[in-house]
Amino acid sequence: MQRQQKRKEETIQFIQKKLNVEINYDYGDYTSHKTIQSFIDNGNCNFTIKIVNVGMEKINDIQKGIYGASKEEYTFNAKDLDPTNVYFDEGNSGSSEITMDSLEHKKNILYKRFFYEPRSKNKKITCVKEKYHSIKFLKSNRCILSTHEDNVIIPYLLSPRSDNRPRVIKAMKHLIRTCGGKGELF
């Protein structure tokens, strides 16, 4: 049992090393921003993948919510995922994503999007309710859209090296199985 726990911890550390990413985008003065992605171990096979997008010059203000930014979170228990349905998906814009499906496509993954707007006396936040999303307002400068999904999407990897994708997929499958996730028989 101790050996299995140690292997699980090593697998989590490997995944964190590959998924905890900071990426800088510089498209000119006003469109420069930073994306920060984190793989968080909440204990008992519960995990959160957090993706924060914020203007680079205001990165320290994200906690205060005083600059326009967004944050996405997927919260899930690995045993609810199907280890036979962890795959690489190449997006339309050439970006690469790893997708993990839940068992029998049950909607048991909590997905949240947080929107932050600059604080201003004259500016009110506008939150558009999307299909299937519930909406909450927090204070006057941000809103949360939340829903339950049937898959988790990991948008970024630490390195564009081609061998990272299959290694992360293999590690995620191993983690899911270690946490008790079982795939479909056929």
C-alpha atoms as a PDB file:
ATOM      1  CA  MET A   1       0.000   0.000   0.000  1.00  0.00           C
ATOM      2  CA  GLN A   2       2.836   2.433   0.820  1.00  0.00           C
ATOM      3  CA  ARG A   3       4.474   1.710  -2.525  1.00  0.00           C
ATOM      4  CA  GLN A   4       1.238   2.476  -4.367  1.00  0.00           C
ATOM      5  CA  GLN A   5       0.855   5.764  -2.443  1.00  0.00           C
ATOM      6  CA  LYS A   6       4.455   6.721  -3.282  1.00  0.00           C
ATOM      7  CA  ARG A   7       3.863   5.979  -6.995  1.00  0.00           C
ATOM      8  CA  LYS A   8       0.699   8.098  -6.909  1.00  0.00           C
ATOM      9  CA  GLU A   9       2.602  11.018  -5.332  1.00  0.00           C
ATOM     10  CA  GLU A  10       5.387  10.679  -7.924  1.00  0.00           C
ATOM     11  CA  THR A  11       2.794  10.663 -10.713  1.00  0.00           C
ATOM     12  CA  ILE A  12       1.154  13.824  -9.329  1.00  0.00           C
ATOM     13  CA  GLN A  13       4.551  15.540  -9.114  1.00  0.00           C
ATOM     14  CA  PHE A  14       5.342  14.572 -12.726  1.00  0.00           C
ATOM     15  CA  ILE A  15       1.991  15.926 -13.930  1.00  0.00           C
ATOM     16  CA  GLN A  16       2.483  19.157 -11.972  1.00  0.00           C
ATOM     17  CA  LYS A  17       5.931  19.587 -13.486  1.00  0.00           C
ATOM     18  CA  LYS A  18       4.441  19.366 -16.982  1.00  0.00           C
ATOM     19  CA  LEU A  19       1.184  21.277 -16.402  1.00  0.00           C
ATOM     20  CA  ASN A  20       2.168  24.102 -14.041  1.00  0.00           C
ATOM     21  CA  VAL A  21       2.922  26.634 -16.766  1.00  0.00           C
ATOM     22  CA  GLU A  22       3.383  30.374 -17.209  1.00  0.00           C
ATOM     23  CA  ILE A  23       3.157  31.563 -20.812  1.00  0.00           C
ATOM     24  CA  ASN A  24       3.745  35.151 -21.938  1.00  0.00           C
ATOM     25  CA  TYR A  25       2.014  36.441 -25.063  1.00  0.00           C
ATOM     26  CA  ASP A  26       3.167  39.694 -26.630  1.00  0.00           C
ATOM     27  CA  TYR A  27       1.016  40.914 -29.505  1.00  0.00           C
ATOM     28  CA  GLY A  28       1.744  44.591 -28.954  1.00  0.00           C
ATOM     29  CA  ASP A  29       1.347  46.998 -26.070  1.00  0.00           C
ATOM     30  CA  TYR A  30      -2.321  46.623 -25.269  1.00  0.00           C
ATOM     31  CA  THR A  31      -2.778  42.930 -26.017  1.00  0.00           C
ATOM     32  CA  SER A  32       0.141  41.511 -24.045  1.00  0.00           C
ATOM     33  CA  HIS A  33      -0.995  39.059 -21.423  1.00  0.00           C
ATOM     34  CA  LYS A  34       0.102  36.118 -19.332  1.00  0.00           C
ATOM     35  CA  THR A  35      -1.534  32.711 -18.922  1.00  0.00           C
ATOM     36  CA  ILE A  36      -0.874  30.755 -15.745  1.00  0.00           C
ATOM     37  CA  GLN A  37      -1.998  27.129 -15.515  1.00  0.00           C
ATOM     38  CA  SER A  38      -1.853  25.029 -12.316  1.00  0.00           C
ATOM     39  CA  PHE A  39      -2.602  21.400 -11.485  1.00  0.00           C
ATOM     40  CA  ILE A  40      -3.640  21.390  -7.819  1.00  0.00           C
ATOM     41  CA  ASP A  41      -3.850  18.297  -5.601  1.00  0.00           C
ATOM     42  CA  ASN A  42      -6.782  18.785  -3.188  1.00  0.00           C
ATOM     43  CA  GLY A  43      -6.236  15.370  -1.538  1.00  0.00           C
ATOM     44  CA  ASN A  44      -8.190  12.101  -1.783  1.00  0.00           C
ATOM     45  CA  CYS A  45      -7.834  12.043  -5.593  1.00  0.00           C
ATOM     46  CA  ASN A  46      -9.603  15.411  -5.941  1.00  0.00           C
ATOM     47  CA  PHE A  47      -7.860  17.812  -8.310  1.00  0.00           C
ATOM     48  CA  THR A  48      -8.311  21.284  -9.758  1.00  0.00           C
ATOM     49  CA  ILE A  49      -6.894  22.559 -13.013  1.00  0.00           C
ATOM     50  CA  LYS A  50      -6.802  26.355 -12.898  1.00  0.00           C
ATOM     51  CA  ILE A  51      -6.111  28.613 -15.901  1.00  0.00           C
ATOM     52  CA  VAL A  52      -5.686  32.366 -15.293  1.00  0.00           C
ATOM     53  CA  ASN A  53      -5.416  34.943 -18.089  1.00  0.00           C
ATOM     54  CA  VAL A  54      -4.384  38.455 -17.152  1.00  0.00           C
ATOM     55  CA  GLY A  55      -2.594  41.486 -18.586  1.00  0.00           C
ATOM     56  CA  MET A  56       1.104  41.134 -17.802  1.00  0.00           C
ATOM     57  CA  GLU A  57       1.530  44.604 -16.335  1.00  0.00           C
ATOM     58  CA  LYS A  58      -1.286  43.931 -13.844  1.00  0.00           C
ATOM     59  CA  ILE A  59      -0.494  40.344 -12.815  1.00  0.00           C
ATOM     60  CA  ASN A  60      -0.268  41.265  -9.112  1.00  0.00           C
ATOM     61  CA  ASP A  61      -3.709  42.875  -9.189  1.00  0.00           C
ATOM     62  CA  ILE A  62      -5.585  39.685 -10.116  1.00  0.00           C
ATOM     63  CA  GLN A  63      -6.086  38.846  -6.431  1.00  0.00           C
ATOM     64  CA  LYS A  64      -7.687  42.246  -5.863  1.00  0.00           C
ATOM     65  CA  GLY A  65      -9.878  41.914  -8.955  1.00  0.00           C
ATOM     66  CA  ILE A  66      -9.013  45.396 -10.163  1.00  0.00           C
ATOM     67  CA  TYR A  67      -7.994  44.530 -13.690  1.00  0.00           C
ATOM     68  CA  GLY A  68      -9.907  42.834 -16.498  1.00  0.00           C
ATOM     69  CA  ALA A  69      -9.004  39.138 -16.367  1.00  0.00           C
ATOM     70  CA  SER A  70     -10.488  35.662 -16.446  1.00  0.00           C
ATOM     71  CA  LYS A  71      -9.956  32.415 -14.620  1.00  0.00           C
ATOM     72  CA  GLU A  72     -11.184  28.921 -15.456  1.00  0.00           C
ATOM     73  CA  GLU A  73     -11.275  25.974 -13.064  1.00  0.00           C
ATOM     74  CA  TYR A  74     -12.017  22.305 -13.563  1.00  0.00           C
ATOM     75  CA  THR A  75     -12.549  20.465 -10.261  1.00  0.00           C
ATOM     76  CA  PHE A  76     -12.899  16.684 -10.369  1.00  0.00           C
ATOM     77  CA  ASN A  77     -12.214  13.395  -8.654  1.00  0.00           C
ATOM     78  CA  ALA A  78      -9.894  11.233 -10.756  1.00  0.00           C
ATOM     79  CA  LYS A  79     -11.906   8.080  -9.993  1.00  0.00           C
ATOM     80  CA  ASP A  80     -14.813   9.639 -11.951  1.00  0.00           C
ATOM     81  CA  LEU A  81     -12.725   9.765 -15.133  1.00  0.00           C
ATOM     82  CA  ASP A  82     -12.338   7.037 -17.741  1.00  0.00           C
ATOM     83  CA  PRO A  83      -8.642   6.070 -18.162  1.00  0.00           C
ATOM     84  CA  THR A  84      -9.383   4.706 -21.652  1.00  0.00           C
ATOM     85  CA  ASN A  85     -10.673   8.142 -22.738  1.00  0.00           C
ATOM     86  CA  VAL A  86      -7.680  10.418 -22.151  1.00  0.00           C
ATOM     87  CA  TYR A  87      -6.568  11.771 -25.506  1.00  0.00           C
ATOM     88  CA  PHE A  88      -4.803  14.515 -27.413  1.00  0.00           C
ATOM     89  CA  ASP A  89      -6.978  16.934 -29.346  1.00  0.00           C
ATOM     90  CA  GLU A  90      -5.419  19.419 -31.749  1.00  0.00           C
ATOM     91  CA  GLY A  91      -7.452  22.608 -31.813  1.00  0.00           C
ATOM     92  CA  ASN A  92      -8.371  24.678 -34.862  1.00  0.00           C
ATOM     93  CA  SER A  93      -5.823  27.380 -34.076  1.00  0.00           C
ATOM     94  CA  GLY A  94      -2.975  24.882 -33.833  1.00  0.00           C
ATOM     95  CA  SER A  95      -3.164  24.776 -30.045  1.00  0.00           C
ATOM     96  CA  SER A  96      -2.997  21.398 -28.425  1.00  0.00           C
ATOM     97  CA  GLU A  97      -5.226  20.110 -25.656  1.00  0.00           C
ATOM     98  CA  ILE A  98      -5.446  16.967 -23.609  1.00  0.00           C
ATOM     99  CA  THR A  99      -9.035  15.910 -22.973  1.00  0.00           C
ATOM    100  CA  MET A 100     -10.176  13.509 -20.248  1.00  0.00           C
ATOM    101  CA  ASP A 101     -13.738  12.168 -20.402  1.00  0.00           C
ATOM    102  CA  SER A 102     -15.809  11.152 -17.411  1.00  0.00           C
ATOM    103  CA  LEU A 103     -17.189   7.643 -17.052  1.00  0.00           C
ATOM    104  CA  GLU A 104     -20.249   7.217 -19.267  1.00  0.00           C
ATOM    105  CA  HIS A 105     -20.089  10.979 -19.903  1.00  0.00           C
ATOM    106  CA  LYS A 106     -21.654  11.829 -16.543  1.00  0.00           C
ATOM    107  CA  LYS A 107     -21.692  15.538 -15.767  1.00  0.00           C
ATOM    108  CA  ASN A 108     -19.723  15.282 -12.529  1.00  0.00           C
ATOM    109  CA  ILE A 109     -16.906  17.736 -13.256  1.00  0.00           C
ATOM    110  CA  LEU A 110     -17.417  21.226 -11.863  1.00  0.00           C
ATOM    111  CA  TYR A 111     -16.367  23.895 -14.344  1.00  0.00           C
ATOM    112  CA  LYS A 112     -16.207  27.554 -13.334  1.00  0.00           C
ATOM    113  CA  ARG A 113     -15.293  30.691 -15.237  1.00  0.00           C
ATOM    114  CA  PHE A 114     -14.519  33.838 -13.275  1.00  0.00           C
ATOM    115  CA  PHE A 115     -14.571  37.224 -14.958  1.00  0.00           C
ATOM    116  CA  TYR A 116     -12.929  40.264 -13.396  1.00  0.00           C
ATOM    117  CA  GLU A 117     -13.507  43.811 -14.589  1.00  0.00           C
ATOM    118  CA  PRO A 118     -11.633  46.983 -13.729  1.00  0.00           C
ATOM    119  CA  ARG A 119     -13.131  48.803 -10.757  1.00  0.00           C
ATOM    120  CA  SER A 120     -14.730  52.007 -11.854  1.00  0.00           C
ATOM    121  CA  LYS A 121     -17.524  54.188 -10.533  1.00  0.00           C
ATOM    122  CA  ASN A 122     -19.029  54.487 -13.994  1.00  0.00           C
ATOM    123  CA  LYS A 123     -18.519  50.910 -15.166  1.00  0.00           C
ATOM    124  CA  LYS A 124     -20.844  48.083 -14.202  1.00  0.00           C
ATOM    125  CA  ILE A 125     -19.908  44.481 -14.828  1.00  0.00           C
ATOM    126  CA  THR A 126     -21.830  42.681 -17.536  1.00  0.00           C
ATOM    127  CA  CYS A 127     -22.134  38.925 -17.151  1.00  0.00           C
ATOM    128  CA  VAL A 128     -23.705  37.082 -20.055  1.00  0.00           C
ATOM    129  CA  LYS A 129     -25.357  33.830 -19.058  1.00  0.00           C
ATOM    130  CA  GLU A 130     -24.250  31.094 -21.416  1.00  0.00           C
ATOM    131  CA  LYS A 131     -26.267  28.027 -22.289  1.00  0.00           C
ATOM    132  CA  TYR A 132     -26.372  25.521 -19.389  1.00  0.00           C
ATOM    133  CA  HIS A 133     -24.386  27.833 -17.067  1.00  0.00           C
ATOM    134  CA  SER A 134     -25.653  29.130 -13.775  1.00  0.00           C
ATOM    135  CA  ILE A 135     -24.421  32.560 -12.824  1.00  0.00           C
ATOM    136  CA  LYS A 136     -23.384  34.219  -9.556  1.00  0.00           C
ATOM    137  CA  PHE A 137     -22.232  37.730  -8.852  1.00  0.00           C
ATOM    138  CA  LEU A 138     -19.478  38.363  -6.351  1.00  0.00           C
ATOM    139  CA  LYS A 139     -19.209  41.913  -5.049  1.00  0.00           C
ATOM    140  CA  SER A 140     -19.492  44.437  -7.857  1.00  0.00           C
ATOM    141  CA  ASN A 141     -16.448  43.648  -9.931  1.00  0.00           C
ATOM    142  CA  ARG A 142     -16.661  39.996 -10.926  1.00  0.00           C
ATOM    143  CA  CYS A 143     -19.014  37.181 -11.789  1.00  0.00           C
ATOM    144  CA  ILE A 144     -18.845  33.386 -11.914  1.00  0.00           C
ATOM    145  CA  LEU A 145     -20.382  31.137 -14.518  1.00  0.00           C
ATOM    146  CA  SER A 146     -20.522  27.529 -13.395  1.00  0.00           C
ATOM    147  CA  THR A 147     -21.779  24.269 -14.820  1.00  0.00           C
ATOM    148  CA  HIS A 148     -21.139  20.537 -14.605  1.00  0.00           C
ATOM    149  CA  GLU A 149     -19.283  19.047 -17.547  1.00  0.00           C
ATOM    150  CA  ASP A 150     -18.532  15.544 -18.773  1.00  0.00           C
ATOM    151  CA  ASN A 151     -14.870  16.194 -19.582  1.00  0.00           C
ATOM    152  CA  VAL A 152     -11.774  18.060 -18.427  1.00  0.00           C
ATOM    153  CA  ILE A 153      -9.694  20.018 -20.933  1.00  0.00           C
ATOM    154  CA  ILE A 154      -6.017  20.745 -20.244  1.00  0.00           C
ATOM    155  CA  PRO A 155      -5.055  23.449 -22.728  1.00  0.00           C
ATOM    156  CA  TYR A 156      -1.317  23.865 -22.155  1.00  0.00           C
ATOM    157  CA  LEU A 157       1.804  21.773 -21.666  1.00  0.00           C
ATOM    158  CA  LEU A 158       5.108  23.057 -20.333  1.00  0.00           C
ATOM    159  CA  SER A 159       7.075  22.308 -23.462  1.00  0.00           C
ATOM    160  CA  PRO A 160       6.173  21.887 -27.108  1.00  0.00           C
ATOM    161  CA  ARG A 161       8.366  18.772 -27.183  1.00  0.00           C
ATOM    162  CA  SER A 162       6.388  16.122 -28.982  1.00  0.00           C
ATOM    163  CA  ASP A 163       7.140  13.452 -26.378  1.00  0.00           C
ATOM    164  CA  ASN A 164       5.439  15.449 -23.594  1.00  0.00           C
ATOM    165  CA  ARG A 165       1.889  14.813 -24.811  1.00  0.00           C
ATOM    166  CA  PRO A 166       2.031  11.003 -24.716  1.00  0.00           C
ATOM    167  CA  ARG A 167       3.919  11.052 -21.414  1.00  0.00           C
ATOM    168  CA  VAL A 168       1.340  13.331 -19.752  1.00  0.00           C
ATOM    169  CA  ILE A 169      -1.496  11.231 -21.179  1.00  0.00           C
ATOM    170  CA  LYS A 170       0.162   8.057 -19.842  1.00  0.00           C
ATOM    171  CA  ALA A 171       0.654   9.707 -16.418  1.00  0.00           C
ATOM    172  CA  MET A 172      -2.989  10.887 -16.295  1.00  0.00           C
ATOM    173  CA  LYS A 173      -4.232   7.395 -17.186  1.00  0.00           C
ATOM    174  CA  HIS A 174      -2.022   5.937 -14.452  1.00  0.00           C
ATOM    175  CA  LEU A 175      -3.269   8.498 -11.910  1.00  0.00           C
ATOM    176  CA  ILE A 176      -6.915   7.807 -12.795  1.00  0.00           C
ATOM    177  CA  ARG A 177      -6.408   4.040 -12.395  1.00  0.00           C
ATOM    178  CA  THR A 178      -4.498   4.541  -9.114  1.00  0.00           C
ATOM    179  CA  CYS A 179      -7.458   6.572  -7.824  1.00  0.00           C
ATOM    180  CA  GLY A 180      -9.908   3.802  -8.741  1.00  0.00           C
ATOM    181  CA  GLY A 181     -11.088   4.978 -12.146  1.00  0.00           C
ATOM    182  CA  LYS A 182     -12.112   2.168 -14.434  1.00  0.00           C
ATOM    183  CA  GLY A 183     -12.577   2.297 -18.179  1.00  0.00           C
ATOM    184  CA  GLU A 184     -15.372   0.832 -20.224  1.00  0.00           C
ATOM    185  CA  LEU A 185     -14.923  -2.870 -20.908  1.00  0.00           C
ATOM    186  CA  PHE A 186     -15.181  -2.573 -24.691  1.00  0.00           C
END
